[in-house]
Protein backbone atom coordinates (compact mmCIF):
# COMPACT_ATOMS: atom_id res chain seq x y z
CA MET A 1 -6.50 -59.98 -22.16
CA LEU A 2 -5.03 -57.14 -24.47
CA ARG A 3 -4.31 -53.57 -22.93
CA LYS A 4 -7.01 -51.48 -24.21
CA VAL A 5 -5.95 -48.07 -26.04
CA PHE A 6 -8.14 -44.92 -26.80
CA TYR A 7 -7.36 -42.86 -29.68
CA ILE A 8 -9.33 -39.48 -29.11
CA SER A 9 -9.72 -35.98 -30.83
CA ASP A 10 -12.38 -33.09 -31.27
CA GLY A 11 -11.07 -33.38 -34.85
CA THR A 12 -10.51 -36.51 -37.01
CA ALA A 13 -8.50 -38.27 -34.78
CA ILE A 14 -5.87 -39.32 -37.14
CA THR A 15 -3.01 -37.17 -35.62
CA ALA A 16 -3.60 -39.16 -32.43
CA GLU A 17 -3.87 -42.59 -34.12
CA VAL A 18 -0.63 -42.29 -36.17
CA PHE A 19 1.42 -40.92 -33.41
CA GLY A 20 -0.15 -43.43 -31.01
CA HIS A 21 0.42 -46.20 -33.18
CA ALA A 22 4.16 -45.05 -33.93
CA VAL A 23 4.56 -45.03 -30.21
CA LEU A 24 2.91 -48.30 -29.37
CA SER A 25 4.86 -49.88 -32.44
CA GLN A 26 8.22 -49.83 -30.54
CA PHE A 27 6.67 -52.27 -27.84
CA PRO A 28 6.35 -56.07 -28.83
CA VAL A 29 2.88 -56.30 -27.42
CA GLU A 30 -0.64 -56.63 -29.04
CA PHE A 31 -3.21 -53.59 -28.37
CA ASP A 32 -6.88 -53.64 -28.55
CA ALA A 33 -7.66 -50.11 -30.25
CA LEU A 34 -10.31 -48.10 -30.27
CA THR A 35 -10.32 -44.39 -32.51
CA ILE A 36 -13.00 -42.14 -31.46
CA PRO A 37 -12.93 -38.71 -33.27
CA PHE A 38 -15.35 -35.57 -33.35
CA VAL A 39 -15.65 -35.56 -29.72
CA GLU A 40 -16.70 -31.93 -29.92
CA THR A 41 -19.07 -31.59 -27.04
CA GLU A 42 -19.00 -31.66 -23.27
CA ALA A 43 -21.79 -34.22 -23.29
CA LYS A 44 -20.13 -36.55 -25.89
CA ALA A 45 -16.73 -36.20 -23.46
CA HIS A 46 -18.19 -37.75 -20.43
CA THR A 47 -19.75 -40.34 -22.45
CA ILE A 48 -16.08 -41.33 -23.50
CA LYS A 49 -14.86 -40.53 -19.69
CA ALA A 50 -17.52 -43.26 -18.64
CA GLN A 51 -16.44 -45.96 -21.44
CA ILE A 52 -12.77 -45.71 -20.18
CA ASP A 53 -13.42 -45.76 -16.62
CA ASP A 54 -15.96 -48.87 -17.26
CA CYS A 55 -12.83 -50.16 -19.08
CA PHE A 56 -10.64 -49.72 -16.22
CA ILE A 57 -13.23 -51.47 -13.73
CA THR A 58 -13.83 -54.17 -16.26
CA THR A 59 -10.18 -55.11 -16.81
CA GLY A 60 -8.30 -53.74 -13.71
CA GLU A 61 -5.77 -52.07 -16.01
CA ARG A 62 -5.79 -48.11 -16.92
CA PRO A 63 -6.39 -47.93 -20.55
CA LEU A 64 -3.88 -45.74 -22.64
CA VAL A 65 -5.66 -42.65 -24.03
CA PHE A 66 -4.01 -40.61 -26.49
CA HIS A 67 -5.43 -37.51 -27.62
CA SER A 68 -5.18 -34.37 -29.69
CA ILE A 69 -8.19 -32.12 -28.19
CA VAL A 70 -8.10 -28.55 -29.04
CA LYS A 71 -10.75 -27.31 -26.55
CA ALA A 72 -9.68 -27.29 -22.97
CA GLU A 73 -13.24 -28.06 -21.21
CA ILE A 74 -13.24 -31.23 -23.58
CA ARG A 75 -9.66 -32.40 -22.68
CA ASP A 76 -10.10 -31.38 -18.90
CA ILE A 77 -13.14 -33.84 -19.10
CA ILE A 78 -10.51 -36.83 -20.78
CA PHE A 79 -8.40 -35.89 -18.51
CA SER A 80 -10.55 -36.67 -15.29
CA SER A 81 -11.08 -40.27 -16.58
CA GLU A 82 -9.06 -43.29 -14.96
CA GLY A 83 -7.07 -43.68 -18.15
CA ILE A 84 -3.34 -42.58 -18.56
CA ASP A 85 -3.37 -39.90 -20.55
CA TYR A 86 -0.78 -38.67 -23.41
CA ASP A 87 -1.60 -35.34 -24.59
CA PHE A 88 0.29 -35.17 -28.24
CA LEU A 89 -1.13 -31.52 -28.92
CA ASN A 90 -0.63 -29.77 -25.85
CA THR A 91 3.18 -31.43 -24.91
CA PHE A 92 4.44 -28.99 -27.50
CA VAL A 93 1.89 -25.86 -27.35
CA ALA A 94 3.61 -24.70 -23.88
CA PRO A 95 7.36 -24.62 -25.23
CA LEU A 96 6.27 -23.40 -28.76
CA GLU A 97 4.40 -20.28 -26.95
CA LYS A 98 7.35 -19.76 -25.13
CA GLN A 99 10.02 -19.81 -28.17
CA LEU A 100 7.51 -18.12 -30.63
CA GLY A 101 6.61 -15.35 -27.88
CA MET A 102 2.59 -15.46 -28.11
CA LYS A 103 -0.15 -17.46 -27.16
CA ALA A 104 -1.61 -20.28 -29.21
CA SER A 105 -5.17 -19.39 -30.70
CA PRO A 106 -6.58 -23.42 -31.04
CA VAL A 107 -9.39 -23.80 -33.56
CA VAL A 108 -11.03 -27.08 -34.05
CA HIS A 109 -10.42 -28.89 -37.23
CA ARG A 110 -7.57 -26.36 -38.49
CA THR A 111 -5.08 -28.76 -39.18
CA HIS A 112 -7.53 -30.74 -41.58
CA GLY A 113 -9.37 -27.47 -42.90
CA LYS A 114 -10.77 -26.99 -46.43
CA GLY A 115 -9.96 -23.20 -46.88
CA ASN A 116 -6.34 -23.60 -48.26
CA GLU A 117 -4.35 -24.36 -51.64
CA GLY A 118 -3.49 -27.61 -49.94
CA TYR A 119 -7.09 -29.02 -49.97
CA GLU A 120 -7.44 -28.27 -53.55
CA ALA A 121 -4.00 -29.84 -54.18
CA ARG A 122 -5.30 -32.83 -52.69
CA ILE A 123 -8.50 -33.29 -54.53
CA GLU A 124 -7.06 -32.59 -58.03
CA ALA A 125 -4.35 -34.88 -57.37
CA ILE A 126 -6.89 -37.77 -56.25
CA ASN A 127 -9.02 -37.13 -59.11
CA TYR A 128 -5.99 -37.25 -61.41
CA THR A 129 -4.71 -40.65 -59.86
CA MET A 130 -8.14 -42.35 -59.80
CA ASP A 131 -8.73 -40.93 -63.68
CA ASN A 132 -4.90 -42.25 -64.67
CA ASP A 133 -4.93 -45.81 -62.69
CA ASP A 134 -3.72 -48.88 -64.11
CA GLY A 135 -2.83 -47.68 -67.54
CA GLN A 136 -6.56 -46.41 -68.32
CA THR A 137 -5.46 -44.03 -70.48
CA LEU A 138 -1.96 -42.41 -71.39
CA LYS A 139 -3.45 -39.19 -72.82
CA ASN A 140 -2.89 -37.24 -69.56
CA ILE A 141 0.38 -38.47 -68.80
CA ASP A 142 2.05 -35.41 -69.52
CA SER A 143 0.40 -33.80 -66.51
CA ALA A 144 1.53 -36.34 -64.03
CA ASP A 145 4.39 -35.70 -61.33
CA LEU A 146 5.19 -39.47 -60.93
CA VAL A 147 4.04 -42.53 -63.09
CA LEU A 148 4.48 -45.82 -61.20
CA LEU A 149 5.21 -49.20 -63.35
CA GLY A 150 5.21 -52.69 -62.69
CA VAL A 151 3.56 -55.72 -63.00
CA SER A 152 -0.14 -56.64 -61.86
CA ARG A 153 -0.67 -57.01 -58.33
CA CYS A 154 2.87 -55.16 -57.18
CA GLY A 155 1.34 -52.30 -55.31
CA LYS A 156 1.12 -49.75 -57.81
CA THR A 157 -2.84 -48.44 -57.12
CA PRO A 158 -2.46 -48.64 -53.22
CA SER A 159 0.96 -46.59 -53.59
CA SER A 160 -0.20 -44.17 -56.22
CA LEU A 161 -3.50 -43.21 -54.22
CA TYR A 162 -1.47 -42.90 -51.08
CA LEU A 163 0.97 -40.34 -52.52
CA SER A 164 -2.10 -38.55 -54.20
CA LEU A 165 -4.18 -38.17 -50.72
CA GLN A 166 -0.99 -37.80 -48.47
CA PHE A 167 1.04 -35.59 -50.58
CA GLY A 168 -1.07 -34.10 -53.08
CA ILE A 169 1.13 -35.72 -55.87
CA LYS A 170 -0.68 -36.35 -59.55
CA ALA A 171 0.54 -40.45 -59.71
CA ALA A 172 -0.34 -42.38 -62.77
CA ASN A 173 0.36 -46.23 -63.05
CA TYR A 174 0.94 -48.06 -65.78
CA PRO A 175 0.89 -52.18 -65.53
CA PHE A 176 3.18 -54.58 -67.60
CA VAL A 177 1.16 -57.70 -68.55
CA GLU A 178 1.90 -61.27 -70.07
CA ASP A 179 0.97 -60.13 -73.33
CA ASP A 180 3.99 -57.51 -73.00
CA MET A 181 6.85 -59.98 -72.29
CA ASP A 182 7.93 -61.11 -75.27
CA ASN A 183 8.89 -57.64 -76.24
CA LEU A 184 8.94 -55.40 -73.34
CA LYS A 185 9.33 -52.14 -73.97
CA LEU A 186 8.15 -48.47 -72.86
CA PRO A 187 5.22 -46.90 -75.06
CA PRO A 188 5.97 -43.89 -76.72
CA GLU A 189 3.88 -41.68 -74.12
CA LEU A 190 5.89 -43.01 -71.11
CA LYS A 191 9.14 -42.84 -73.18
CA ARG A 192 9.16 -39.31 -73.57
CA ASN A 193 8.39 -38.81 -69.97
CA LYS A 194 11.05 -41.17 -68.84
CA LYS A 195 11.95 -38.59 -65.83
CA LYS A 196 8.97 -39.08 -64.05
CA LEU A 197 8.92 -42.98 -64.28
CA PHE A 198 9.52 -45.00 -61.22
CA GLY A 199 9.35 -48.64 -60.98
CA LEU A 200 7.94 -51.34 -58.55
CA THR A 201 8.64 -54.81 -58.20
CA ILE A 202 7.87 -57.81 -55.74
CA ASP A 203 9.31 -61.23 -54.81
CA PRO A 204 7.73 -63.85 -57.48
CA VAL A 205 6.66 -66.12 -54.60
CA ARG A 206 4.81 -63.30 -52.79
CA LEU A 207 3.27 -62.39 -56.25
CA HIS A 208 2.28 -65.57 -56.93
CA GLU A 209 0.47 -65.80 -53.29
CA ILE A 210 -1.31 -62.53 -53.85
CA ARG A 211 -2.65 -63.32 -57.27
CA GLN A 212 -3.74 -66.74 -55.98
CA SER A 213 -6.49 -65.11 -53.77
CA ARG A 214 -7.78 -63.19 -56.99
CA MET A 215 -7.56 -65.78 -59.40
CA GLU A 216 -6.73 -69.29 -57.70
CA ASN A 217 -4.72 -71.97 -59.99
CA SER A 218 -4.72 -69.91 -63.13
CA ARG A 219 -1.89 -69.14 -65.78
CA TYR A 220 -1.96 -65.46 -64.28
CA SER A 221 -1.20 -66.82 -60.61
CA SER A 222 1.33 -69.33 -61.48
CA LEU A 223 4.48 -69.19 -59.72
CA ARG A 224 6.24 -69.67 -63.23
CA GLN A 225 4.32 -66.68 -64.80
CA CYS A 226 5.07 -64.51 -61.98
CA ARG A 227 8.75 -65.67 -62.00
CA ILE A 228 8.82 -64.67 -65.86
CA GLU A 229 6.92 -61.30 -64.97
CA VAL A 230 9.26 -59.90 -62.74
CA LYS A 231 12.38 -61.12 -64.29
CA GLU A 232 11.40 -59.43 -67.47
CA VAL A 233 10.34 -56.19 -65.60
CA GLU A 234 13.58 -55.82 -63.60
CA MET A 235 15.69 -56.18 -66.66
CA MET A 236 13.61 -53.56 -68.44
CA TYR A 237 14.35 -50.79 -65.56
CA LYS A 238 17.85 -51.84 -65.65
CA ARG A 239 17.95 -51.35 -69.19
CA GLU A 240 16.24 -48.18 -69.18
CA ARG A 241 17.90 -46.78 -66.15
CA ILE A 242 14.46 -46.37 -64.43
CA PRO A 243 14.87 -46.32 -60.58
CA TYR A 244 12.76 -48.99 -58.68
CA VAL A 245 11.85 -50.43 -55.08
CA ASP A 246 10.95 -53.92 -53.92
CA THR A 247 7.73 -53.62 -52.28
CA THR A 248 7.43 -57.29 -50.79
CA ASN A 249 8.08 -56.56 -47.11
CA HIS A 250 6.77 -52.81 -47.05
CA SER A 251 3.87 -51.02 -46.20
CA VAL A 252 2.10 -48.24 -48.78
CA GLU A 253 3.59 -45.82 -46.26
CA GLU A 254 7.08 -47.10 -46.73
CA ILE A 255 6.71 -47.66 -50.26
CA ALA A 256 5.63 -43.93 -50.92
CA THR A 257 8.58 -42.83 -48.50
CA LYS A 258 10.97 -44.45 -50.13
CA ILE A 259 9.60 -43.20 -53.64
CA LEU A 260 9.90 -39.69 -52.42
CA ASP A 261 13.11 -39.92 -51.08
CA ILE A 262 14.76 -41.34 -54.24
CA THR A 263 12.73 -39.12 -56.60
CA GLY A 264 13.30 -35.97 -54.94
CA LEU A 265 9.51 -35.18 -55.07
CA LYS A 266 8.07 -32.42 -52.85
CA ARG A 267 4.99 -32.94 -50.93
CA HIS A 268 2.14 -30.52 -52.41
CA MET A 269 0.17 -29.86 -49.58
CA PHE A 270 0.28 -30.13 -45.48
């Protein structure tokens, strides 16, 4: 039976989930994880406590409980369960209070609140990225912070959306298709924004597998066509001196981090 893990928060639980997953990924073990956000009342906290206790009774193993709970009374209820607690938020509060010379004044949802410029930057970036996905239009390309290039299905759209959602970056993306391969070149709109261009590439065999699941046994998904497209696009990157990364063995998070590291682009929001 897989070891049970709970990610709990009186907010979105994103912090507990991300930190917990990062910690557990260090161990070659599979876990059965459950994320529980918005535990904002004592009644709900008691319900979650009962769930954790029942898991211990059923499995005979104390479940791992990662949480980032602001309210002390709710946190204490979770602490009283049979789970093994890892309190991400308050692990750092006491040392910081000492360093800053002040007591913390916790407020639920502050870390993901709307009332700041970061929220507006995120919404603006997401809207821009969705409007400029997959080369739908190049008329707004001058407003982009970044333009991702690549063949179809190499990871341009998810990477663009992740950059806009997590970093507030206006990320357009432009695909190179089969019809471009005989005379592959940058459109004028991209040429004048060359400093914003960044390329993605992918192993042709992996691209073939991805395209097969979309359009099985088509020219579009054939291994030969995949090899031609990847080769031509990589040659263009080198010819135009466009930086690029291989997405084959990387998650969207890793791709985005590599792009920011290489380009020097800064996060526009927190």
